[in-house]
Amino acid sequence: MERRAGLRERKKNATWELLKATSLELFTERGYDNVSVAEVAAVAEVSKATVFNYFPTKEDLVIGGMRHHTGDAARVVRERRRGQTPHAALREHYLHLLERGAPQTGLSDNPMFLKVQGLLASTPSLMVSAMDYRRRSAVELAEGLIEEGNPALTARLVASQLMHTQYILVEVNVHRVLSGDPIEEIRAAAVTAAEHAFGLLENGIGDLMRREGDPPADAAFTADGCRVDYTPGETEAREAAERVLAEPTDEMLKALTDPPR
């Protein structure tokens, strides 16, 4: 029984790997929006139903793994030691992940990981979905802090700042990896960046970047926040008119835009 169970598990893992690799290859070659799930199934020589058994949606073929990590931050904070702040717990956890080279930190040169990141950068719909997973992480973290008895507003502000700081750190790492920088070189800089970023959260922004001189001459704004020389709707109206006049669609417009007529 154990041997059969082990065989089934290996077969399932092999099928998952096949579908993942096949889809990423097709999406990278032809573009995510230009490949259907049916085409992925055909190339992998399985049924469409089999694909959906392993990946409930098309986007899961690329970023489905993010769903399994939305609760990570909330769990780390919930399990933190007595006397430890949420910020300190997440910093410790993130540095530990950096040391391991975990993909969640963006510090990976695994070919499959690189393809996923390339598709994220080139596919707006996937980027929006990834941003929603990140939003869920912040929501779950805030809910955990609220359950501890913290004020809702404070919990949401803290969760948002903590998670967004981590996302920026990850994005920097991903950008360097995609640029071809050596992993070990990136790791050293990533640790320094993480200490700096979480240090800002711990100590507060305070007087950081206080302007010592006068603002640039062209930076004048009115009391309602608009630039002094800004006329509401003017730019938008001009751009819309230029688009319409560039492609007249009926006789009246043609007459108006054709001087001889």
C-alpha atoms as a PDB file:
ATOM      1  CA  MET A   1       0.000   0.000   0.000  1.00  0.00           C
ATOM      2  CA  GLU A   2       2.761   2.456   0.944  1.00  0.00           C
ATOM      3  CA  ARG A   3       4.635   1.647  -2.262  1.00  0.00           C
ATOM      4  CA  ARG A   4       1.517   2.262  -4.387  1.00  0.00           C
ATOM      5  CA  ALA A   5       0.805   5.500  -2.516  1.00  0.00           C
ATOM      6  CA  GLY A   6       4.381   6.622  -3.099  1.00  0.00           C
ATOM      7  CA  LEU A   7       4.108   5.815  -6.804  1.00  0.00           C
ATOM      8  CA  ARG A   8       0.874   7.781  -7.130  1.00  0.00           C
ATOM      9  CA  GLU A   9       2.445  10.765  -5.390  1.00  0.00           C
ATOM     10  CA  ARG A  10       5.477  10.690  -7.676  1.00  0.00           C
ATOM     11  CA  LYS A  11       3.205  10.468 -10.704  1.00  0.00           C
ATOM     12  CA  LYS A  12       1.160  13.445  -9.509  1.00  0.00           C
ATOM     13  CA  ASN A  13       4.305  15.492  -8.910  1.00  0.00           C
ATOM     14  CA  ALA A  14       5.636  14.563 -12.340  1.00  0.00           C
ATOM     15  CA  THR A  15       2.373  15.624 -13.991  1.00  0.00           C
ATOM     16  CA  TRP A  16       2.389  18.913 -12.079  1.00  0.00           C
ATOM     17  CA  GLU A  17       5.963  19.596 -13.177  1.00  0.00           C
ATOM     18  CA  LEU A  18       5.132  18.722 -16.789  1.00  0.00           C
ATOM     19  CA  LEU A  19       2.129  21.048 -16.926  1.00  0.00           C
ATOM     20  CA  LYS A  20       3.995  23.869 -15.226  1.00  0.00           C
ATOM     21  CA  ALA A  21       7.036  23.595 -17.472  1.00  0.00           C
ATOM     22  CA  THR A  22       4.955  23.217 -20.643  1.00  0.00           C
ATOM     23  CA  SER A  23       2.745  26.212 -19.897  1.00  0.00           C
ATOM     24  CA  LEU A  24       5.652  28.486 -18.962  1.00  0.00           C
ATOM     25  CA  GLU A  25       7.479  27.526 -22.125  1.00  0.00           C
ATOM     26  CA  LEU A  26       4.448  28.283 -24.306  1.00  0.00           C
ATOM     27  CA  PHE A  27       3.583  31.500 -22.472  1.00  0.00           C
ATOM     28  CA  THR A  28       7.167  32.741 -22.733  1.00  0.00           C
ATOM     29  CA  GLU A  29       7.422  31.948 -26.438  1.00  0.00           C
ATOM     30  CA  ARG A  30       4.026  33.235 -27.567  1.00  0.00           C
ATOM     31  CA  GLY A  31       2.738  35.461 -24.775  1.00  0.00           C
ATOM     32  CA  TYR A  32       0.419  34.552 -21.920  1.00  0.00           C
ATOM     33  CA  ASP A  33      -2.697  35.965 -23.599  1.00  0.00           C
ATOM     34  CA  ASN A  34      -2.004  34.102 -26.855  1.00  0.00           C
ATOM     35  CA  VAL A  35      -2.009  30.584 -25.421  1.00  0.00           C
ATOM     36  CA  SER A  36      -5.116  28.724 -24.233  1.00  0.00           C
ATOM     37  CA  VAL A  37      -5.351  26.032 -21.577  1.00  0.00           C
ATOM     38  CA  ALA A  38      -6.454  23.637 -24.327  1.00  0.00           C
ATOM     39  CA  GLU A  39      -3.193  24.276 -26.167  1.00  0.00           C
ATOM     40  CA  VAL A  40      -1.197  23.626 -22.998  1.00  0.00           C
ATOM     41  CA  ALA A  41      -3.058  20.342 -22.559  1.00  0.00           C
ATOM     42  CA  ALA A  42      -2.433  19.327 -26.172  1.00  0.00           C
ATOM     43  CA  VAL A  43       1.318  19.949 -26.005  1.00  0.00           C
ATOM     44  CA  ALA A  44       1.561  18.137 -22.652  1.00  0.00           C
ATOM     45  CA  GLU A  45      -0.537  15.295 -24.128  1.00  0.00           C
ATOM     46  CA  VAL A  46      -3.139  15.346 -21.379  1.00  0.00           C
ATOM     47  CA  SER A  47      -6.802  16.348 -21.290  1.00  0.00           C
ATOM     48  CA  LYS A  48      -7.948  19.868 -20.554  1.00  0.00           C
ATOM     49  CA  ALA A  49      -9.713  18.483 -17.488  1.00  0.00           C
ATOM     50  CA  THR A  50      -6.392  17.156 -16.203  1.00  0.00           C
ATOM     51  CA  VAL A  51      -4.874  20.625 -16.409  1.00  0.00           C
ATOM     52  CA  PHE A  52      -7.726  22.066 -14.366  1.00  0.00           C
ATOM     53  CA  ASN A  53      -7.395  19.269 -11.823  1.00  0.00           C
ATOM     54  CA  TYR A  54      -3.920  20.543 -11.030  1.00  0.00           C
ATOM     55  CA  PHE A  55      -4.393  24.247 -11.785  1.00  0.00           C
ATOM     56  CA  PRO A  56      -7.948  25.579 -11.190  1.00  0.00           C
ATOM     57  CA  THR A  57      -7.396  28.653 -13.389  1.00  0.00           C
ATOM     58  CA  LYS A  58      -5.099  29.595 -16.245  1.00  0.00           C
ATOM     59  CA  GLU A  59      -3.223  32.136 -14.130  1.00  0.00           C
ATOM     60  CA  ASP A  60      -2.516  29.408 -11.565  1.00  0.00           C
ATOM     61  CA  LEU A  61      -0.176  27.898 -14.138  1.00  0.00           C
ATOM     62  CA  VAL A  62       2.032  30.955 -13.574  1.00  0.00           C
ATOM     63  CA  ILE A  63       1.385  32.427 -10.134  1.00  0.00           C
ATOM     64  CA  GLY A  64      -0.804  29.885  -8.360  1.00  0.00           C
ATOM     65  CA  GLY A  65       1.948  29.327  -5.810  1.00  0.00           C
ATOM     66  CA  MET A  66       1.439  32.823  -4.421  1.00  0.00           C
ATOM     67  CA  ARG A  67      -1.914  31.729  -3.015  1.00  0.00           C
ATOM     68  CA  HIS A  68      -0.152  29.387  -0.616  1.00  0.00           C
ATOM     69  CA  HIS A  69       1.926  32.219   0.858  1.00  0.00           C
ATOM     70  CA  THR A  70      -0.685  34.916   1.502  1.00  0.00           C
ATOM     71  CA  GLY A  71      -0.906  33.906   5.150  1.00  0.00           C
ATOM     72  CA  ASP A  72       2.849  33.659   5.779  1.00  0.00           C
ATOM     73  CA  ALA A  73       3.304  37.111   7.308  1.00  0.00           C
ATOM     74  CA  ALA A  74       0.244  36.746   9.539  1.00  0.00           C
ATOM     75  CA  ARG A  75       1.513  33.368  10.752  1.00  0.00           C
ATOM     76  CA  VAL A  76       5.026  34.687  11.484  1.00  0.00           C
ATOM     77  CA  VAL A  77       3.616  37.590  13.486  1.00  0.00           C
ATOM     78  CA  ARG A  78       1.077  35.410  15.292  1.00  0.00           C
ATOM     79  CA  GLU A  79       3.856  33.009  16.373  1.00  0.00           C
ATOM     80  CA  ARG A  80       6.401  35.682  17.365  1.00  0.00           C
ATOM     81  CA  ARG A  81       8.209  35.445  20.694  1.00  0.00           C
ATOM     82  CA  ARG A  82       7.077  37.239  23.831  1.00  0.00           C
ATOM     83  CA  GLY A  83       8.299  40.827  23.708  1.00  0.00           C
ATOM     84  CA  GLN A  84       8.957  40.757  19.954  1.00  0.00           C
ATOM     85  CA  THR A  85       7.304  43.338  17.673  1.00  0.00           C
ATOM     86  CA  PRO A  86       5.636  42.428  14.355  1.00  0.00           C
ATOM     87  CA  HIS A  87       8.341  44.398  12.571  1.00  0.00           C
ATOM     88  CA  ALA A  88      11.154  42.492  14.297  1.00  0.00           C
ATOM     89  CA  ALA A  89       9.531  39.128  13.628  1.00  0.00           C
ATOM     90  CA  LEU A  90       9.087  39.814   9.905  1.00  0.00           C
ATOM     91  CA  ARG A  91      12.619  41.194   9.583  1.00  0.00           C
ATOM     92  CA  GLU A  92      14.035  38.064  11.203  1.00  0.00           C
ATOM     93  CA  HIS A  93      11.926  35.829   8.975  1.00  0.00           C
ATOM     94  CA  TYR A  94      12.856  37.722   5.802  1.00  0.00           C
ATOM     95  CA  LEU A  95      16.578  37.602   6.592  1.00  0.00           C
ATOM     96  CA  HIS A  96      16.254  33.865   7.200  1.00  0.00           C
ATOM     97  CA  LEU A  97      14.590  33.437   3.796  1.00  0.00           C
ATOM     98  CA  LEU A  98      17.377  35.467   2.184  1.00  0.00           C
ATOM     99  CA  GLU A  99      19.964  33.188   3.726  1.00  0.00           C
ATOM    100  CA  ARG A 100      18.158  30.160   2.266  1.00  0.00           C
ATOM    101  CA  GLY A 101      17.721  31.831  -1.122  1.00  0.00           C
ATOM    102  CA  ALA A 102      13.969  31.287  -0.953  1.00  0.00           C
ATOM    103  CA  PRO A 103      12.061  32.313  -4.122  1.00  0.00           C
ATOM    104  CA  GLN A 104       9.717  34.474  -1.991  1.00  0.00           C
ATOM    105  CA  THR A 105      12.611  36.935  -1.609  1.00  0.00           C
ATOM    106  CA  GLY A 106      13.176  37.172  -5.360  1.00  0.00           C
ATOM    107  CA  LEU A 107      16.628  35.682  -4.816  1.00  0.00           C
ATOM    108  CA  SER A 108      16.543  32.734  -7.202  1.00  0.00           C
ATOM    109  CA  ASP A 109      18.057  31.942 -10.581  1.00  0.00           C
ATOM    110  CA  ASN A 110      15.908  28.836 -11.075  1.00  0.00           C
ATOM    111  CA  PRO A 111      14.851  28.827 -14.777  1.00  0.00           C
ATOM    112  CA  MET A 112      11.184  28.277 -13.913  1.00  0.00           C
ATOM    113  CA  PHE A 113      11.265  31.161 -11.420  1.00  0.00           C
ATOM    114  CA  LEU A 114      12.871  33.442 -14.010  1.00  0.00           C
ATOM    115  CA  LYS A 115      10.173  32.611 -16.567  1.00  0.00           C
ATOM    116  CA  VAL A 116       7.448  33.401 -14.038  1.00  0.00           C
ATOM    117  CA  GLN A 117       9.031  36.762 -13.252  1.00  0.00           C
ATOM    118  CA  GLY A 118       9.437  37.566 -16.930  1.00  0.00           C
ATOM    119  CA  LEU A 119       5.779  36.799 -17.570  1.00  0.00           C
ATOM    120  CA  LEU A 120       4.722  38.926 -14.607  1.00  0.00           C
ATOM    121  CA  ALA A 121       6.696  41.859 -15.963  1.00  0.00           C
ATOM    122  CA  SER A 122       5.201  41.518 -19.453  1.00  0.00           C
ATOM    123  CA  THR A 123       1.580  40.605 -18.650  1.00  0.00           C
ATOM    124  CA  PRO A 124      -0.576  43.288 -16.986  1.00  0.00           C
ATOM    125  CA  SER A 125      -3.366  40.861 -16.027  1.00  0.00           C
ATOM    126  CA  LEU A 126      -0.906  38.634 -14.155  1.00  0.00           C
ATOM    127  CA  MET A 127       0.638  41.638 -12.442  1.00  0.00           C
ATOM    128  CA  VAL A 128      -2.799  42.754 -11.236  1.00  0.00           C
ATOM    129  CA  SER A 129      -3.491  39.273  -9.844  1.00  0.00           C
ATOM    130  CA  ALA A 130      -0.104  39.219  -8.113  1.00  0.00           C
ATOM    131  CA  MET A 131      -0.872  42.602  -6.557  1.00  0.00           C
ATOM    132  CA  ASP A 132      -4.161  41.189  -5.269  1.00  0.00           C
ATOM    133  CA  TYR A 133      -2.344  38.312  -3.581  1.00  0.00           C
ATOM    134  CA  ARG A 134      -0.089  40.879  -1.920  1.00  0.00           C
ATOM    135  CA  ARG A 135      -3.136  42.865  -0.819  1.00  0.00           C
ATOM    136  CA  ARG A 136      -4.586  39.711   0.744  1.00  0.00           C
ATOM    137  CA  SER A 137      -1.348  39.190   2.670  1.00  0.00           C
ATOM    138  CA  ALA A 138      -1.636  42.664   4.185  1.00  0.00           C
ATOM    139  CA  VAL A 139      -5.317  42.105   4.994  1.00  0.00           C
ATOM    140  CA  GLU A 140      -4.589  38.812   6.754  1.00  0.00           C
ATOM    141  CA  LEU A 141      -1.749  40.391   8.713  1.00  0.00           C
ATOM    142  CA  ALA A 142      -3.960  43.313   9.759  1.00  0.00           C
ATOM    143  CA  GLU A 143      -6.731  40.945  10.819  1.00  0.00           C
ATOM    144  CA  GLY A 144      -4.257  39.036  12.975  1.00  0.00           C
ATOM    145  CA  LEU A 145      -3.089  42.214  14.670  1.00  0.00           C
ATOM    146  CA  ILE A 146      -6.692  43.283  15.268  1.00  0.00           C
ATOM    147  CA  GLU A 147      -7.428  39.904  16.865  1.00  0.00           C
ATOM    148  CA  GLU A 148      -4.625  40.640  19.336  1.00  0.00           C
ATOM    149  CA  GLY A 149      -6.579  43.682  20.496  1.00  0.00           C
ATOM    150  CA  ASN A 150      -4.848  46.392  18.476  1.00  0.00           C
ATOM    151  CA  PRO A 151      -6.896  49.306  17.034  1.00  0.00           C
ATOM    152  CA  ALA A 152      -8.092  48.541  13.518  1.00  0.00           C
ATOM    153  CA  LEU A 153      -6.620  51.657  11.919  1.00  0.00           C
ATOM    154  CA  THR A 154      -3.227  51.146  13.540  1.00  0.00           C
ATOM    155  CA  ALA A 155      -3.229  47.464  12.585  1.00  0.00           C
ATOM    156  CA  ARG A 156      -4.011  48.258   8.955  1.00  0.00           C
ATOM    157  CA  LEU A 157      -1.363  50.985   8.765  1.00  0.00           C
ATOM    158  CA  VAL A 158       1.309  48.775  10.312  1.00  0.00           C
ATOM    159  CA  ALA A 159       0.421  45.772   8.136  1.00  0.00           C
ATOM    160  CA  SER A 160       0.434  47.869   4.974  1.00  0.00           C
ATOM    161  CA  GLN A 161       3.821  49.425   5.723  1.00  0.00           C
ATOM    162  CA  LEU A 162       5.420  46.116   6.685  1.00  0.00           C
ATOM    163  CA  MET A 163       4.177  44.221   3.649  1.00  0.00           C
ATOM    164  CA  HIS A 164       4.872  46.971   1.133  1.00  0.00           C
ATOM    165  CA  THR A 165       8.397  47.383   2.450  1.00  0.00           C
ATOM    166  CA  GLN A 166       9.011  43.690   1.932  1.00  0.00           C
ATOM    167  CA  TYR A 167       7.522  43.777  -1.572  1.00  0.00           C
ATOM    168  CA  ILE A 168       9.850  46.606  -2.590  1.00  0.00           C
ATOM    169  CA  LEU A 169      12.842  44.632  -1.307  1.00  0.00           C
ATOM    170  CA  VAL A 170      11.718  41.596  -3.314  1.00  0.00           C
ATOM    171  CA  GLU A 171      11.210  43.659  -6.480  1.00  0.00           C
ATOM    172  CA  VAL A 172      14.749  45.030  -6.236  1.00  0.00           C
ATOM    173  CA  ASN A 173      16.118  41.493  -5.968  1.00  0.00           C
ATOM    174  CA  VAL A 174      14.034  40.258  -8.904  1.00  0.00           C
ATOM    175  CA  HIS A 175      15.177  43.159 -11.069  1.00  0.00           C
ATOM    176  CA  ARG A 176      18.825  42.364 -10.362  1.00  0.00           C
ATOM    177  CA  VAL A 177      18.339  38.644 -10.957  1.00  0.00           C
ATOM    178  CA  LEU A 178      16.659  39.304 -14.309  1.00  0.00           C
ATOM    179  CA  SER A 179      19.552  41.639 -15.164  1.00  0.00           C
ATOM    180  CA  GLY A 180      21.959  38.751 -14.710  1.00  0.00           C
ATOM    181  CA  ASP A 181      23.727  39.825 -11.507  1.00  0.00           C
ATOM    182  CA  PRO A 182      25.361  36.975  -9.511  1.00  0.00           C
ATOM    183  CA  ILE A 183      23.108  35.599  -6.756  1.00  0.00           C
ATOM    184  CA  GLU A 184      25.739  35.886  -4.017  1.00  0.00           C
ATOM    185  CA  GLU A 185      26.393  39.500  -4.943  1.00  0.00           C
ATOM    186  CA  ILE A 186      22.678  40.242  -4.807  1.00  0.00           C
ATOM    187  CA  ARG A 187      22.300  38.426  -1.467  1.00  0.00           C
ATOM    188  CA  ALA A 188      24.920  40.599   0.246  1.00  0.00           C
ATOM    189  CA  ALA A 189      23.250  43.777  -0.994  1.00  0.00           C
ATOM    190  CA  ALA A 190      19.792  42.386  -0.171  1.00  0.00           C
ATOM    191  CA  VAL A 191      20.727  41.839   3.469  1.00  0.00           C
ATOM    192  CA  THR A 192      22.003  45.405   3.746  1.00  0.00           C
ATOM    193  CA  ALA A 193      18.870  46.721   2.037  1.00  0.00           C
ATOM    194  CA  ALA A 194      16.617  44.734   4.370  1.00  0.00           C
ATOM    195  CA  GLU A 195      18.379  46.027   7.478  1.00  0.00           C
ATOM    196  CA  HIS A 196      18.021  49.582   6.162  1.00  0.00           C
ATOM    197  CA  ALA A 197      14.364  49.186   5.181  1.00  0.00           C
ATOM    198  CA  PHE A 198      13.218  47.532   8.404  1.00  0.00           C
ATOM    199  CA  GLY A 199      15.360  50.016  10.326  1.00  0.00           C
ATOM    200  CA  LEU A 200      13.298  52.849   8.847  1.00  0.00           C
ATOM    201  CA  LEU A 201      10.147  51.116  10.040  1.00  0.00           C
ATOM    202  CA  GLU A 202      11.578  50.594  13.501  1.00  0.00           C
ATOM    203  CA  ASN A 203      12.936  54.097  14.014  1.00  0.00           C
ATOM    204  CA  GLY A 204      10.463  56.096  11.935  1.00  0.00           C
ATOM    205  CA  ILE A 205      11.039  58.438   9.013  1.00  0.00           C
ATOM    206  CA  GLY A 206      11.327  61.465  11.283  1.00  0.00           C
ATOM    207  CA  ASP A 207      13.534  64.166   9.767  1.00  0.00           C
ATOM    208  CA  LEU A 208      14.774  61.949   6.951  1.00  0.00           C
ATOM    209  CA  MET A 209      14.970  63.870   3.653  1.00  0.00           C
ATOM    210  CA  ARG A 210      13.965  67.182   5.212  1.00  0.00           C
ATOM    211  CA  ARG A 211      14.290  69.902   2.539  1.00  0.00           C
ATOM    212  CA  GLU A 212      16.925  72.423   3.495  1.00  0.00           C
ATOM    213  CA  GLY A 213      16.525  74.833   0.569  1.00  0.00           C
ATOM    214  CA  ASP A 214      13.651  76.338  -1.387  1.00  0.00           C
ATOM    215  CA  PRO A 215      11.602  74.138  -3.747  1.00  0.00           C
ATOM    216  CA  PRO A 216      12.201  74.382  -7.518  1.00  0.00           C
ATOM    217  CA  ALA A 217      10.635  77.409  -9.164  1.00  0.00           C
ATOM    218  CA  ASP A 218       8.288  75.245 -11.256  1.00  0.00           C
ATOM    219  CA  ALA A 219       6.870  73.383  -8.265  1.00  0.00           C
ATOM    220  CA  ALA A 220       4.175  75.941  -7.360  1.00  0.00           C
ATOM    221  CA  PHE A 221       0.766  74.538  -6.404  1.00  0.00           C
ATOM    222  CA  THR A 222      -2.570  76.094  -5.503  1.00  0.00           C
ATOM    223  CA  ALA A 223      -4.361  75.514  -2.208  1.00  0.00           C
ATOM    224  CA  ASP A 224      -6.341  72.607  -3.692  1.00  0.00           C
ATOM    225  CA  GLY A 225      -3.166  70.802  -4.731  1.00  0.00           C
ATOM    226  CA  CYS A 226      -3.199  71.567  -8.461  1.00  0.00           C
ATOM    227  CA  ARG A 227      -0.265  73.125 -10.259  1.00  0.00           C
ATOM    228  CA  VAL A 228      -0.609  76.879 -10.691  1.00  0.00           C
ATOM    229  CA  ASP A 229      -0.623  76.600 -14.504  1.00  0.00           C
ATOM    230  CA  TYR A 230      -3.006  73.604 -14.584  1.00  0.00           C
ATOM    231  CA  THR A 231      -6.480  73.988 -16.079  1.00  0.00           C
ATOM    232  CA  PRO A 232      -8.717  71.059 -15.079  1.00  0.00           C
ATOM    233  CA  GLY A 233      -9.711  69.001 -18.113  1.00  0.00           C
ATOM    234  CA  GLU A 234      -7.689  71.038 -20.604  1.00  0.00           C
ATOM    235  CA  THR A 235      -5.009  68.426 -21.283  1.00  0.00           C
ATOM    236  CA  GLU A 236      -7.500  65.574 -21.445  1.00  0.00           C
ATOM    237  CA  ALA A 237      -9.805  67.490 -23.802  1.00  0.00           C
ATOM    238  CA  ARG A 238      -6.948  68.446 -26.105  1.00  0.00           C
ATOM    239  CA  GLU A 239      -5.689  64.859 -26.294  1.00  0.00           C
ATOM    240  CA  ALA A 240      -9.195  63.545 -27.005  1.00  0.00           C
ATOM    241  CA  ALA A 241      -9.702  66.123 -29.770  1.00  0.00           C
ATOM    242  CA  GLU A 242      -6.379  65.238 -31.365  1.00  0.00           C
ATOM    243  CA  ARG A 243      -7.296  61.555 -31.389  1.00  0.00           C
ATOM    244  CA  VAL A 244     -10.658  62.225 -33.014  1.00  0.00           C
ATOM    245  CA  LEU A 245      -9.254  64.613 -35.601  1.00  0.00           C
ATOM    246  CA  ALA A 246      -6.462  62.211 -36.460  1.00  0.00           C
ATOM    247  CA  GLU A 247      -8.979  59.563 -37.515  1.00  0.00           C
ATOM    248  CA  PRO A 248     -12.214  61.213 -38.808  1.00  0.00           C
ATOM    249  CA  THR A 249     -14.977  58.659 -38.917  1.00  0.00           C
ATOM    250  CA  ASP A 250     -17.798  60.395 -40.762  1.00  0.00           C
ATOM    251  CA  GLU A 251     -18.422  62.977 -43.445  1.00  0.00           C
ATOM    252  CA  MET A 252     -18.975  65.844 -41.021  1.00  0.00           C
ATOM    253  CA  LEU A 253     -15.644  65.295 -39.323  1.00  0.00           C
ATOM    254  CA  LYS A 254     -13.931  64.915 -42.699  1.00  0.00           C
ATOM    255  CA  ALA A 255     -15.415  68.219 -43.791  1.00  0.00           C
ATOM    256  CA  LEU A 256     -14.255  69.960 -40.640  1.00  0.00           C
ATOM    257  CA  THR A 257     -10.706  68.588 -40.887  1.00  0.00           C
ATOM    258  CA  ASP A 258     -10.226  69.009 -44.666  1.00  0.00           C
ATOM    259  CA  PRO A 259      -9.593  72.722 -45.431  1.00  0.00           C
ATOM    260  CA  PRO A 260     -10.378  72.535 -49.199  1.00  0.00           C
ATOM    261  CA  ARG A 261     -13.835  71.213 -48.361  1.00  0.00           C
END
